[in-house]
C-alpha atoms as a PDB file:
ATOM      1  CA  MET A   1     110.330 110.810 140.429  1.00  0.00           C
ATOM      2  CA  GLN A   2     107.153 108.907 141.320  1.00  0.00           C
ATOM      3  CA  LYS A   3     108.474 105.751 139.601  1.00  0.00           C
ATOM      4  CA  VAL A   4     111.674 105.940 141.647  1.00  0.00           C
ATOM      5  CA  PHE A   5     109.647 106.331 144.848  1.00  0.00           C
ATOM      6  CA  GLU A   6     107.414 103.401 143.935  1.00  0.00           C
ATOM      7  CA  ARG A   7     110.463 101.226 143.163  1.00  0.00           C
ATOM      8  CA  VAL A   8     112.066 102.088 146.503  1.00  0.00           C
ATOM      9  CA  CYS A   9     108.782 101.321 148.341  1.00  0.00           C
ATOM     10  CA  LYS A  10     108.419  97.955 146.651  1.00  0.00           C
ATOM     11  CA  TRP A  11     112.083  97.017 147.298  1.00  0.00           C
ATOM     12  CA  ASN A  12     111.950  98.097 150.975  1.00  0.00           C
ATOM     13  CA  ALA A  13     108.541  96.328 151.578  1.00  0.00           C
ATOM     14  CA  ALA A  14     110.034  93.036 150.376  1.00  0.00           C
ATOM     15  CA  ARG A  15     112.987  93.361 152.811  1.00  0.00           C
ATOM     16  CA  TYR A  16     112.195  95.505 155.861  1.00  0.00           C
ATOM     17  CA  ASP A  17     109.607  96.300 158.479  1.00  0.00           C
ATOM     18  CA  GLN A  18     108.034  99.719 157.951  1.00  0.00           C
ATOM     19  CA  GLU A  19     109.415 101.191 161.182  1.00  0.00           C
ATOM     20  CA  PHE A  20     111.173 104.539 161.243  1.00  0.00           C
ATOM     21  CA  ASN A  21     114.507 104.635 163.033  1.00  0.00           C
ATOM     22  CA  LEU A  22     116.147 108.087 163.196  1.00  0.00           C
ATOM     23  CA  GLU A  23     119.622 106.763 163.985  1.00  0.00           C
ATOM     24  CA  LEU A  24     119.530 104.300 161.087  1.00  0.00           C
ATOM     25  CA  ALA A  25     118.205 106.933 158.666  1.00  0.00           C
ATOM     26  CA  GLU A  26     120.969 109.318 159.704  1.00  0.00           C
ATOM     27  CA  LYS A  27     123.638 106.617 159.407  1.00  0.00           C
ATOM     28  CA  LEU A  28     122.534 105.625 155.912  1.00  0.00           C
ATOM     29  CA  LEU A  29     122.236 109.227 154.640  1.00  0.00           C
ATOM     30  CA  ARG A  30     125.625 110.199 156.080  1.00  0.00           C
ATOM     31  CA  GLU A  31     127.231 107.100 154.617  1.00  0.00           C
ATOM     32  CA  GLU A  32     125.964 107.818 151.096  1.00  0.00           C
ATOM     33  CA  TYR A  33     126.664 111.563 151.400  1.00  0.00           C
ATOM     34  CA  ALA A  34     130.006 111.685 153.234  1.00  0.00           C
ATOM     35  CA  LYS A  35     131.635 108.347 152.350  1.00  0.00           C
ATOM     36  CA  GLU A  36     130.510 108.285 148.777  1.00  0.00           C
ATOM     37  CA  TRP A  37     129.365 111.581 147.158  1.00  0.00           C
ATOM     38  CA  LEU A  38     131.627 113.931 149.086  1.00  0.00           C
ATOM     39  CA  GLN A  39     134.751 111.839 148.385  1.00  0.00           C
ATOM     40  CA  HIS A  40     133.920 111.533 144.672  1.00  0.00           C
ATOM     41  CA  MET A  41     133.054 115.285 144.395  1.00  0.00           C
ATOM     42  CA  SER A  42     136.393 116.223 145.987  1.00  0.00           C
ATOM     43  CA  ALA A  43     138.141 114.033 143.448  1.00  0.00           C
ATOM     44  CA  TYR A  44     136.017 115.452 140.687  1.00  0.00           C
ATOM     45  CA  ILE A  45     136.837 119.093 141.563  1.00  0.00           C
ATOM     46  CA  CYS A  46     140.587 118.315 141.528  1.00  0.00           C
ATOM     47  CA  SER A  47     140.622 116.033 138.396  1.00  0.00           C
ATOM     48  CA  LEU A  48     141.131 116.606 134.773  1.00  0.00           C
ATOM     49  CA  ASP A  49     139.721 113.190 133.844  1.00  0.00           C
ATOM     50  CA  THR A  50     136.149 113.563 135.076  1.00  0.00           C
ATOM     51  CA  GLU A  51     134.178 111.123 132.918  1.00  0.00           C
ATOM     52  CA  GLU A  52     134.515 108.151 135.274  1.00  0.00           C
ATOM     53  CA  LEU A  53     133.876 110.366 138.311  1.00  0.00           C
ATOM     54  CA  GLU A  54     130.725 111.728 136.763  1.00  0.00           C
ATOM     55  CA  VAL A  55     129.285 108.197 136.648  1.00  0.00           C
ATOM     56  CA  LYS A  56     130.206 107.684 140.305  1.00  0.00           C
ATOM     57  CA  LEU A  57     128.681 111.027 141.267  1.00  0.00           C
ATOM     58  CA  LEU A  58     125.441 110.143 139.510  1.00  0.00           C
ATOM     59  CA  ASP A  59     125.383 106.787 141.250  1.00  0.00           C
ATOM     60  CA  ASP A  60     126.015 108.483 144.615  1.00  0.00           C
ATOM     61  CA  LEU A  61     123.182 111.009 144.029  1.00  0.00           C
ATOM     62  CA  ALA A  62     120.844 108.236 143.074  1.00  0.00           C
ATOM     63  CA  ASP A  63     121.783 106.304 146.242  1.00  0.00           C
ATOM     64  CA  ILE A  64     121.052 109.373 148.374  1.00  0.00           C
ATOM     65  CA  THR A  65     117.723 109.765 146.646  1.00  0.00           C
ATOM     66  CA  TYR A  66     116.929 106.112 147.234  1.00  0.00           C
ATOM     67  CA  VAL A  67     117.739 106.364 150.920  1.00  0.00           C
ATOM     68  CA  ALA A  68     115.672 109.571 151.273  1.00  0.00           C
ATOM     69  CA  PHE A  69     112.699 107.946 149.567  1.00  0.00           C
ATOM     70  CA  GLY A  70     113.235 104.908 151.793  1.00  0.00           C
ATOM     71  CA  VAL A  71     113.038 107.092 154.867  1.00  0.00           C
ATOM     72  CA  CYS A  72     109.715 108.518 153.542  1.00  0.00           C
ATOM     73  CA  TRP A  73     108.411 104.977 153.103  1.00  0.00           C
ATOM     74  CA  LYS A  74     109.452 104.144 156.659  1.00  0.00           C
ATOM     75  CA  VAL A  75     107.284 106.958 158.030  1.00  0.00           C
ATOM     76  CA  GLY A  76     104.322 105.803 155.911  1.00  0.00           C
ATOM     77  CA  ALA A  77     104.365 108.469 153.220  1.00  0.00           C
ATOM     78  CA  ASP A  78     102.678 107.890 149.916  1.00  0.00           C
ATOM     79  CA  TRP A  79     103.319 109.718 146.644  1.00  0.00           C
ATOM     80  CA  ASP A  80     100.693 112.378 147.415  1.00  0.00           C
ATOM     81  CA  ASP A  81     102.635 113.232 150.651  1.00  0.00           C
ATOM     82  CA  ILE A  82     105.912 113.365 148.670  1.00  0.00           C
ATOM     83  CA  ALA A  83     104.435 115.545 145.925  1.00  0.00           C
ATOM     84  CA  ALA A  84     102.929 117.971 148.458  1.00  0.00           C
ATOM     85  CA  ALA A  85     106.218 118.165 150.351  1.00  0.00           C
ATOM     86  CA  MET A  86     108.105 118.780 147.130  1.00  0.00           C
ATOM     87  CA  THR A  87     105.753 121.592 146.247  1.00  0.00           C
ATOM     88  CA  ARG A  88     106.075 123.010 149.802  1.00  0.00           C
ATOM     89  CA  THR A  89     109.855 122.763 149.962  1.00  0.00           C
ATOM     90  CA  LEU A  90     110.931 123.456 146.351  1.00  0.00           C
ATOM     91  CA  GLN A  91     110.930 127.208 146.588  1.00  0.00           C
ATOM     92  CA  PRO A  92     112.890 127.495 149.916  1.00  0.00           C
ATOM     93  CA  VAL A  93     115.496 125.131 148.557  1.00  0.00           C
ATOM     94  CA  THR A  94     115.645 126.959 145.176  1.00  0.00           C
ATOM     95  CA  ASN A  95     115.950 130.303 146.977  1.00  0.00           C
ATOM     96  CA  SER A  96     118.820 128.999 149.077  1.00  0.00           C
ATOM     97  CA  LEU A  97     120.615 127.601 146.056  1.00  0.00           C
ATOM     98  CA  ASP A  98     120.099 130.829 144.125  1.00  0.00           C
ATOM     99  CA  THR A  99     121.555 132.853 146.992  1.00  0.00           C
ATOM    100  CA  TRP A 100     124.758 130.743 147.109  1.00  0.00           C
ATOM    101  CA  THR A 101     125.401 130.218 143.409  1.00  0.00           C
ATOM    102  CA  GLN A 102     129.148 129.610 143.966  1.00  0.00           C
ATOM    103  CA  ILE A 103     128.371 126.564 146.113  1.00  0.00           C
ATOM    104  CA  ARG A 104     127.394 123.318 144.431  1.00  0.00           C
ATOM    105  CA  PRO A 105     123.877 122.182 145.372  1.00  0.00           C
ATOM    106  CA  GLY A 106     125.148 118.831 146.647  1.00  0.00           C
ATOM    107  CA  PHE A 107     127.021 120.472 149.480  1.00  0.00           C
ATOM    108  CA  PHE A 108     123.681 121.559 150.980  1.00  0.00           C
ATOM    109  CA  ILE A 109     122.808 117.915 151.600  1.00  0.00           C
ATOM    110  CA  GLY A 110     125.094 117.658 154.633  1.00  0.00           C
ATOM    111  CA  GLY A 111     123.335 120.612 156.237  1.00  0.00           C
ATOM    112  CA  LEU A 112     119.946 119.181 155.506  1.00  0.00           C
ATOM    113  CA  ILE A 113     120.966 115.868 157.167  1.00  0.00           C
ATOM    114  CA  ASP A 114     122.017 117.886 160.209  1.00  0.00           C
ATOM    115  CA  ALA A 115     118.681 119.735 160.205  1.00  0.00           C
ATOM    116  CA  PHE A 116     116.777 116.489 159.773  1.00  0.00           C
ATOM    117  CA  VAL A 117     118.473 114.974 162.849  1.00  0.00           C
ATOM    118  CA  HIS A 118     118.553 118.026 165.139  1.00  0.00           C
ATOM    119  CA  ASP A 119     115.657 120.317 164.133  1.00  0.00           C
ATOM    120  CA  HIS A 120     112.543 118.542 165.255  1.00  0.00           C
ATOM    121  CA  GLU A 121     110.323 121.211 163.771  1.00  0.00           C
ATOM    122  CA  LEU A 122     111.451 120.148 160.266  1.00  0.00           C
ATOM    123  CA  GLY A 123     109.253 117.235 159.272  1.00  0.00           C
ATOM    124  CA  VAL A 124     110.860 113.990 158.039  1.00  0.00           C
ATOM    125  CA  ILE A 125     109.127 114.092 154.643  1.00  0.00           C
ATOM    126  CA  ASP A 126     110.025 117.754 154.132  1.00  0.00           C
ATOM    127  CA  ALA A 127     113.646 117.143 155.010  1.00  0.00           C
ATOM    128  CA  MET A 128     113.837 114.119 152.657  1.00  0.00           C
ATOM    129  CA  THR A 129     112.253 116.039 149.772  1.00  0.00           C
ATOM    130  CA  MET A 130     114.704 118.896 150.341  1.00  0.00           C
ATOM    131  CA  ILE A 131     117.565 116.397 150.126  1.00  0.00           C
ATOM    132  CA  ILE A 132     116.109 114.860 146.944  1.00  0.00           C
ATOM    133  CA  THR A 133     115.716 118.339 145.444  1.00  0.00           C
ATOM    134  CA  CYS A 134     119.384 119.037 146.175  1.00  0.00           C
ATOM    135  CA  CYS A 135     120.285 115.737 144.448  1.00  0.00           C
ATOM    136  CA  MET A 136     118.324 116.747 141.402  1.00  0.00           C
ATOM    137  CA  ALA A 137     119.825 120.226 141.415  1.00  0.00           C
ATOM    138  CA  GLU A 138     123.348 118.797 141.726  1.00  0.00           C
ATOM    139  CA  ALA A 139     122.703 116.467 138.791  1.00  0.00           C
ATOM    140  CA  THR A 140     121.525 119.469 136.776  1.00  0.00           C
ATOM    141  CA  TYR A 141     124.381 121.730 137.868  1.00  0.00           C
ATOM    142  CA  THR A 142     127.399 119.423 137.700  1.00  0.00           C
ATOM    143  CA  LEU A 143     126.285 116.652 135.358  1.00  0.00           C
ATOM    144  CA  GLN A 144     124.061 118.838 133.072  1.00  0.00           C
ATOM    145  CA  LEU A 145     121.118 116.418 133.336  1.00  0.00           C
ATOM    146  CA  SER A 146     117.485 117.383 133.113  1.00  0.00           C
ATOM    147  CA  VAL A 147     115.208 116.262 135.950  1.00  0.00           C
ATOM    148  CA  SER A 148     113.707 113.609 133.658  1.00  0.00           C
ATOM    149  CA  ASP A 149     117.167 112.377 132.779  1.00  0.00           C
ATOM    150  CA  TYR A 150     118.036 112.159 136.424  1.00  0.00           C
ATOM    151  CA  GLU A 151     114.876 110.188 137.099  1.00  0.00           C
ATOM    152  CA  ALA A 152     115.768 107.785 134.256  1.00  0.00           C
ATOM    153  CA  ALA A 153     119.306 107.444 135.660  1.00  0.00           C
ATOM    154  CA  CYS A 154     117.873 106.653 139.122  1.00  0.00           C
ATOM    155  CA  LEU A 155     115.715 103.950 137.564  1.00  0.00           C
ATOM    156  CA  ALA A 156     118.720 102.526 135.698  1.00  0.00           C
ATOM    157  CA  VAL A 157     120.807 101.834 138.832  1.00  0.00           C
END
Protein backbone atom coordinates (compact mmCIF):
# COMPACT_ATOMS: atom_id res chain seq x y z
CA MET A 1 0.00 0.00 0.00
CA GLN A 2 3.07 2.23 0.16
CA LYS A 3 2.83 3.00 -3.56
CA VAL A 4 -0.81 4.05 -3.14
CA PHE A 5 0.12 6.33 -0.22
CA GLU A 6 2.97 7.89 -2.22
CA ARG A 7 0.66 8.50 -5.19
CA VAL A 8 -1.94 10.17 -2.95
CA CYS A 9 0.73 12.37 -1.34
CA LYS A 10 2.10 13.46 -4.71
CA TRP A 11 -1.38 14.17 -6.10
CA ASN A 12 -2.42 16.14 -3.00
CA ALA A 13 0.83 18.11 -2.80
CA ALA A 14 0.31 19.35 -6.35
CA ARG A 15 -3.21 20.61 -5.55
CA TYR A 16 -3.68 21.43 -1.86
CA ASP A 17 -2.11 23.03 1.16
CA GLN A 18 -1.04 20.49 3.74
CA GLU A 19 -3.48 21.69 6.40
CA PHE A 20 -5.70 19.28 8.30
CA ASN A 21 -9.39 20.16 8.45
CA LEU A 22 -11.53 17.74 10.49
CA GLU A 23 -14.82 18.86 8.98
CA LEU A 24 -13.55 18.45 5.42
CA ALA A 25 -12.01 15.05 6.22
CA GLU A 26 -15.31 13.87 7.71
CA LYS A 27 -17.30 15.21 4.74
CA LEU A 28 -15.08 13.47 2.18
CA LEU A 29 -15.02 10.16 4.07
CA ARG A 30 -18.78 10.15 4.60
CA GLU A 31 -19.39 11.06 0.96
CA GLU A 32 -17.30 8.15 -0.32
CA TYR A 33 -18.69 5.75 2.28
CA ALA A 34 -22.38 6.65 2.50
CA LYS A 35 -23.12 8.12 -0.91
CA GLU A 36 -21.04 5.66 -2.87
CA TRP A 37 -20.01 2.39 -1.20
CA LEU A 38 -23.08 1.96 1.00
CA GLN A 39 -25.48 2.53 -1.91
CA HIS A 40 -23.58 0.14 -4.17
CA MET A 41 -23.31 -2.48 -1.41
CA SER A 42 -27.06 -2.30 -0.77
CA ALA A 43 -27.68 -2.88 -4.47
CA TYR A 44 -25.06 -5.66 -4.54
CA ILE A 45 -26.68 -7.55 -1.67
CA CYS A 46 -30.07 -7.45 -3.41
CA SER A 47 -28.84 -8.13 -6.95
CA LEU A 48 -28.41 -11.25 -9.01
CA ASP A 49 -26.24 -9.43 -11.56
CA THR A 50 -23.28 -8.41 -9.42
CA GLU A 51 -20.41 -8.10 -11.90
CA GLU A 52 -20.91 -4.39 -12.67
CA LEU A 53 -21.56 -3.65 -9.01
CA GLU A 54 -18.32 -5.38 -8.00
CA VAL A 55 -16.39 -2.92 -10.16
CA LYS A 56 -18.22 -0.02 -8.52
CA LEU A 57 -17.59 -1.44 -5.03
CA LEU A 58 -13.89 -1.79 -5.77
CA ASP A 59 -13.76 1.78 -7.05
CA ASP A 60 -15.58 2.98 -3.93
CA LEU A 61 -13.19 1.15 -1.60
CA ALA A 62 -10.23 2.60 -3.49
CA ASP A 63 -11.74 6.09 -3.15
CA ILE A 64 -12.18 5.64 0.61
CA THR A 65 -8.57 4.44 0.83
CA TYR A 66 -7.38 7.46 -1.16
CA VAL A 67 -9.28 9.86 1.10
CA ALA A 68 -7.93 8.16 4.24
CA PHE A 69 -4.36 8.34 2.93
CA GLY A 70 -5.00 11.98 2.00
CA VAL A 71 -6.04 12.71 5.57
CA CYS A 72 -2.81 11.11 6.76
CA TRP A 73 -0.86 13.33 4.36
CA LYS A 74 -2.72 16.40 5.66
CA VAL A 75 -1.49 15.69 9.21
CA GLY A 76 2.08 15.26 7.97
CA ALA A 77 2.37 11.47 8.18
CA ASP A 78 5.03 9.64 6.22
CA TRP A 79 5.07 5.97 5.26
CA ASP A 80 6.86 4.97 8.47
CA ASP A 81 4.00 6.55 10.47
CA ILE A 82 1.43 4.68 8.36
CA ALA A 83 3.26 1.36 8.65
CA ALA A 84 3.57 1.74 12.43
CA ALA A 85 -0.12 2.61 12.74
CA MET A 86 -1.12 -0.34 10.56
CA THR A 87 0.95 -2.64 12.76
CA ARG A 88 -0.60 -1.10 15.89
CA THR A 89 -4.20 -1.21 14.65
CA LEU A 90 -4.30 -4.37 12.55
CA GLN A 91 -4.93 -6.77 15.43
CA PRO A 92 -7.77 -4.77 17.04
CA VAL A 93 -9.50 -4.41 13.67
CA THR A 94 -8.96 -8.09 12.85
CA ASN A 95 -10.30 -9.13 16.26
CA SER A 96 -13.41 -6.98 15.75
CA LEU A 97 -14.00 -8.41 12.30
CA ASP A 98 -13.49 -11.98 13.54
CA THR A 99 -16.03 -11.42 16.33
CA TRP A 100 -18.71 -10.22 13.91
CA THR A 101 -18.19 -12.64 11.02
CA GLN A 102 -21.75 -12.20 9.78
CA ILE A 103 -21.18 -8.45 9.21
CA ARG A 104 -19.26 -7.39 6.11
CA PRO A 105 -16.01 -5.55 6.99
CA GLY A 106 -17.04 -2.49 4.98
CA PHE A 107 -19.88 -1.75 7.38
CA PHE A 108 -17.34 -1.04 10.12
CA ILE A 109 -16.09 1.97 8.15
CA GLY A 110 -19.08 4.11 9.18
CA GLY A 111 -18.40 3.44 12.86
CA LEU A 112 -14.74 4.24 12.41
CA ILE A 113 -15.63 7.56 10.77
CA ASP A 114 -17.81 8.33 13.81
CA ALA A 115 -14.97 7.38 16.16
CA PHE A 116 -12.52 9.52 14.18
CA VAL A 117 -14.77 12.56 14.48
CA HIS A 118 -15.97 12.14 18.07
CA ASP A 119 -13.33 10.14 19.99
CA HIS A 120 -10.43 12.53 20.38
CA GLU A 121 -8.30 9.85 22.04
CA LEU A 122 -8.22 7.94 18.75
CA GLY A 123 -5.38 9.38 16.71
CA VAL A 124 -5.99 10.54 13.16
CA ILE A 125 -3.44 8.19 11.62
CA ASP A 126 -4.72 5.22 13.65
CA ALA A 127 -8.31 5.96 12.61
CA MET A 128 -7.34 6.24 8.95
CA THR A 129 -5.31 3.03 8.96
CA MET A 130 -8.24 1.22 10.60
CA ILE A 131 -10.49 2.48 7.80
CA ILE A 132 -7.96 1.37 5.18
CA THR A 133 -7.71 -2.05 6.85
CA CYS A 134 -11.50 -2.40 6.65
CA CYS A 135 -11.37 -1.47 2.96
CA MET A 136 -8.75 -4.16 2.34
CA ALA A 137 -10.76 -6.69 4.38
CA GLU A 138 -13.92 -5.84 2.44
CA ALA A 139 -12.10 -6.30 -0.86
CA THR A 140 -10.91 -9.68 0.39
CA TYR A 141 -14.29 -10.73 1.81
CA THR A 142 -16.71 -9.61 -0.89
CA LEU A 143 -14.54 -9.33 -3.98
CA GLN A 144 -12.16 -12.21 -3.18
CA LEU A 145 -9.05 -10.07 -3.79
CA SER A 146 -5.71 -10.51 -2.10
CA VAL A 147 -4.18 -7.44 -0.45
CA SER A 148 -1.67 -7.15 -3.29
CA ASP A 149 -4.50 -7.34 -5.85
CA TYR A 150 -6.34 -4.63 -3.92
CA GLU A 151 -3.25 -2.44 -3.96
CA ALA A 152 -2.88 -3.00 -7.71
CA ALA A 153 -6.55 -2.09 -8.20
CA CYS A 154 -6.08 1.10 -6.17
CA LEU A 155 -3.15 2.04 -8.39
CA ALA A 156 -5.23 1.37 -11.51
CA VAL A 157 -7.97 3.87 -10.66
